[in-house]
Amino acid sequence: MAASAASNRNPAGKEFIISRVFDAPRDLVWTAWTQGERLAQWWGPTGCKIRVVKLELCPGGIFHYAMEFPSPQPWLKGGNEVWGRFIYRELTAPERIVFINSFSDPSGGITRAPFSETWPLEVLNTMTLAEKDGKTELTLRAHPVNSTADENETYAGMHDSMRQGFGGTFDQLAAYLATARA
């Protein structure tokens, strides 16, 4: 490992944390995160269509997907599609999912983010679900892994944008949960 790269440690002050309470039982929120046909209904930026290519729900398994924007995006060099993947590390139903998230190519290989040459290649995410009075509190904690100092700084500088993006994604999840059944 290069001297400028970190391992799985959280670089000081670089962790992103977001929480949201959903008016749905924990088992339903869990299935929304663990079934491809459900993920396709809400995952990703507002307005995107999600195409699930593969979902292997086990440690070492992959969730590989394409996000299709309704129109060309300048940060995609005029294109409208971007690929991503999760590699699952830990699954504890119905309370915890640990995964590495990356941008990817259509074959599932890790690629640079289309919007930044210094966005970390890998981000470790820990999502927990806690049921309280029939509602579910979701907490997502994320930080770069195997990253350089420049990547850590880029990541930390994007927290406000990430909060806005996840806010829209979680709005879509809330709308999906309002109509879904376990």
Protein backbone atom coordinates (compact mmCIF):
# COMPACT_ATOMS: atom_id res chain seq x y z
CA MET A 1 0.00 0.00 0.00
CA ALA A 2 1.29 3.46 -0.87
CA ALA A 3 2.32 5.74 1.98
CA SER A 4 -0.40 8.24 1.03
CA ALA A 5 -3.21 5.67 1.11
CA ALA A 6 -5.23 4.68 4.14
CA SER A 7 -6.67 1.26 4.88
CA ASN A 8 -10.16 0.68 6.27
CA ARG A 9 -9.68 3.29 8.95
CA ASN A 10 -11.93 6.34 8.93
CA PRO A 11 -9.76 9.31 8.00
CA ALA A 12 -10.13 11.83 10.82
CA GLY A 13 -13.22 13.97 10.34
CA LYS A 14 -14.09 12.46 6.97
CA GLU A 15 -17.05 10.30 7.98
CA PHE A 16 -20.40 11.16 6.44
CA ILE A 17 -23.43 10.42 8.65
CA ILE A 18 -27.09 10.78 7.75
CA SER A 19 -30.20 9.52 9.57
CA ARG A 20 -33.86 9.42 8.70
CA VAL A 21 -36.96 8.02 10.39
CA PHE A 22 -39.35 6.19 8.06
CA ASP A 23 -42.99 5.52 8.82
CA ALA A 24 -42.62 1.81 8.10
CA PRO A 25 -41.68 -1.35 10.00
CA ARG A 26 -38.02 -2.35 9.99
CA ASP A 27 -38.66 -5.58 8.03
CA LEU A 28 -40.16 -3.58 5.15
CA VAL A 29 -37.25 -1.12 5.11
CA TRP A 30 -34.86 -4.08 5.13
CA THR A 31 -36.54 -5.69 2.10
CA ALA A 32 -36.45 -2.34 0.28
CA TRP A 33 -32.64 -2.45 0.64
CA THR A 34 -32.19 -6.14 -0.13
CA GLN A 35 -34.44 -7.01 -3.08
CA GLY A 36 -33.51 -5.85 -6.57
CA GLU A 37 -37.04 -5.16 -7.75
CA ARG A 38 -37.56 -2.95 -4.69
CA LEU A 39 -34.20 -1.14 -4.97
CA ALA A 40 -35.08 -0.28 -8.57
CA GLN A 41 -38.13 1.61 -7.31
CA TRP A 42 -36.27 4.13 -5.14
CA TRP A 43 -32.43 3.91 -5.18
CA GLY A 44 -30.40 6.69 -6.77
CA PRO A 45 -30.74 10.37 -7.55
CA THR A 46 -34.18 11.91 -7.96
CA GLY A 47 -35.47 11.38 -11.48
CA CYS A 48 -33.15 8.49 -12.35
CA LYS A 49 -34.28 5.12 -13.60
CA ILE A 50 -32.36 2.28 -11.94
CA ARG A 51 -31.56 -0.88 -13.86
CA VAL A 52 -30.47 -3.74 -11.61
CA VAL A 53 -27.94 -5.88 -13.45
CA LYS A 54 -27.07 -8.24 -10.60
CA LEU A 55 -27.92 -8.65 -6.93
CA GLU A 56 -26.17 -11.32 -4.88
CA LEU A 57 -27.17 -10.71 -1.27
CA CYS A 58 -24.35 -12.38 0.67
CA PRO A 59 -20.95 -11.37 2.04
CA GLY A 60 -18.77 -10.87 -1.02
CA GLY A 61 -21.87 -10.53 -3.22
CA ILE A 62 -22.59 -7.63 -5.52
CA PHE A 63 -25.37 -5.19 -6.27
CA HIS A 64 -24.49 -3.90 -9.76
CA TYR A 65 -26.70 -1.25 -11.31
CA ALA A 66 -27.00 1.45 -13.94
CA MET A 67 -28.53 4.87 -13.24
CA GLU A 68 -30.19 6.44 -16.26
CA PHE A 69 -30.85 10.18 -16.07
CA PRO A 70 -33.85 11.50 -18.04
CA SER A 71 -31.59 13.80 -20.08
CA PRO A 72 -27.88 14.21 -20.89
CA GLN A 73 -25.78 15.47 -17.97
CA PRO A 74 -22.83 17.84 -18.46
CA TRP A 75 -20.80 15.99 -15.80
CA LEU A 76 -21.31 12.78 -17.81
CA LYS A 77 -19.80 14.48 -20.88
CA GLY A 78 -23.24 14.71 -22.45
CA GLY A 79 -24.26 11.16 -21.60
CA ASN A 80 -27.12 10.12 -19.35
CA GLU A 81 -25.95 6.84 -17.78
CA VAL A 82 -23.65 6.06 -14.87
CA TRP A 83 -22.87 2.70 -13.29
CA GLY A 84 -22.37 1.74 -9.66
CA ARG A 85 -21.89 -1.26 -7.42
CA PHE A 86 -22.02 -2.40 -3.82
CA ILE A 87 -19.84 -5.24 -2.59
CA TYR A 88 -21.48 -6.61 0.53
CA ARG A 89 -19.25 -7.24 3.52
CA GLU A 90 -21.78 -7.98 6.23
CA LEU A 91 -25.53 -8.59 6.35
CA THR A 92 -27.36 -8.92 9.66
CA ALA A 93 -31.09 -9.11 8.94
CA PRO A 94 -32.99 -6.93 9.57
CA GLU A 95 -30.65 -4.49 11.29
CA ARG A 96 -27.34 -3.91 9.49
CA ILE A 97 -25.73 -3.89 6.06
CA VAL A 98 -22.05 -3.12 5.52
CA PHE A 99 -20.91 -2.60 1.94
CA ILE A 100 -18.26 -0.95 -0.21
CA ASN A 101 -19.79 1.40 -2.78
CA SER A 102 -17.98 2.37 -5.98
CA PHE A 103 -18.67 3.78 -9.38
CA SER A 104 -18.26 1.05 -11.97
CA ASP A 105 -18.19 0.20 -15.62
CA PRO A 106 -20.86 -1.95 -17.31
CA SER A 107 -18.84 -5.08 -16.44
CA GLY A 108 -18.75 -4.25 -12.72
CA GLY A 109 -15.12 -3.09 -12.55
CA ILE A 110 -14.32 -0.09 -10.36
CA THR A 111 -14.00 3.23 -12.19
CA ARG A 112 -13.42 6.85 -11.26
CA ALA A 113 -16.46 8.98 -10.52
CA PRO A 114 -17.46 10.84 -13.68
CA PHE A 115 -17.55 14.15 -11.81
CA SER A 116 -14.16 14.10 -10.04
CA GLU A 117 -10.73 12.60 -10.62
CA THR A 118 -10.17 12.73 -6.84
CA TRP A 119 -13.39 11.09 -5.62
CA PRO A 120 -12.44 7.95 -3.62
CA LEU A 121 -12.65 4.71 -5.57
CA GLU A 122 -14.15 2.90 -2.57
CA VAL A 123 -16.46 4.11 0.20
CA LEU A 124 -17.27 1.88 3.18
CA ASN A 125 -20.94 2.21 4.20
CA THR A 126 -22.57 0.93 7.37
CA MET A 127 -26.36 1.13 7.30
CA THR A 128 -28.28 0.34 10.48
CA LEU A 129 -32.01 0.03 11.05
CA ALA A 130 -33.60 0.52 14.48
CA GLU A 131 -37.33 0.02 15.00
CA LYS A 132 -39.09 2.46 17.32
CA ASP A 133 -42.87 2.49 17.80
CA GLY A 134 -43.57 0.94 14.40
CA LYS A 135 -41.24 3.34 12.62
CA THR A 136 -37.68 2.71 11.49
CA GLU A 137 -34.65 4.90 12.03
CA LEU A 138 -32.09 4.40 9.29
CA THR A 139 -28.55 5.62 9.94
CA LEU A 140 -25.92 5.56 7.22
CA ARG A 141 -22.25 6.09 8.12
CA ALA A 142 -19.74 6.22 5.29
CA HIS A 143 -16.08 6.99 4.76
CA PRO A 144 -13.43 6.44 2.10
CA VAL A 145 -11.20 3.37 2.29
CA ASN A 146 -7.88 2.70 0.60
CA SER A 147 -7.90 6.39 -0.28
CA THR A 148 -5.34 9.14 -0.74
CA ALA A 149 -5.24 12.41 1.18
CA ASP A 150 -6.61 14.22 -1.91
CA GLU A 151 -9.49 11.74 -2.16
CA ASN A 152 -10.28 12.17 1.53
CA GLU A 153 -10.39 15.95 1.13
CA THR A 154 -12.65 15.74 -1.93
CA TYR A 155 -14.98 13.41 -0.04
CA ALA A 156 -15.13 15.68 3.02
CA GLY A 157 -15.81 18.68 0.79
CA MET A 158 -18.83 16.94 -0.77
CA HIS A 159 -20.73 16.19 2.46
CA ASP A 160 -23.30 18.96 1.87
CA SER A 161 -23.95 17.74 -1.66
CA MET A 162 -24.17 14.14 -0.41
CA ARG A 163 -26.67 15.20 2.27
CA GLN A 164 -28.81 16.79 -0.43
CA GLY A 165 -28.50 13.75 -2.72
CA PHE A 166 -29.31 11.24 -0.01
CA GLY A 167 -32.17 13.48 1.09
CA GLY A 168 -33.75 13.07 -2.36
CA THR A 169 -33.03 9.34 -2.40
CA PHE A 170 -34.55 8.92 1.06
CA ASP A 171 -37.61 10.94 -0.05
CA GLN A 172 -38.03 8.36 -2.83
CA LEU A 173 -37.61 5.53 -0.30
CA ALA A 174 -40.27 7.11 1.95
CA ALA A 175 -42.69 7.38 -0.99
CA TYR A 176 -41.98 3.77 -1.97
CA LEU A 177 -42.49 2.53 1.60
CA ALA A 178 -45.83 4.36 1.82
CA THR A 179 -47.21 2.13 -0.94
CA ALA A 180 -45.20 -1.09 -0.47
CA ARG A 181 -46.06 -4.23 1.43
CA ALA A 182 -43.66 -6.58 3.18
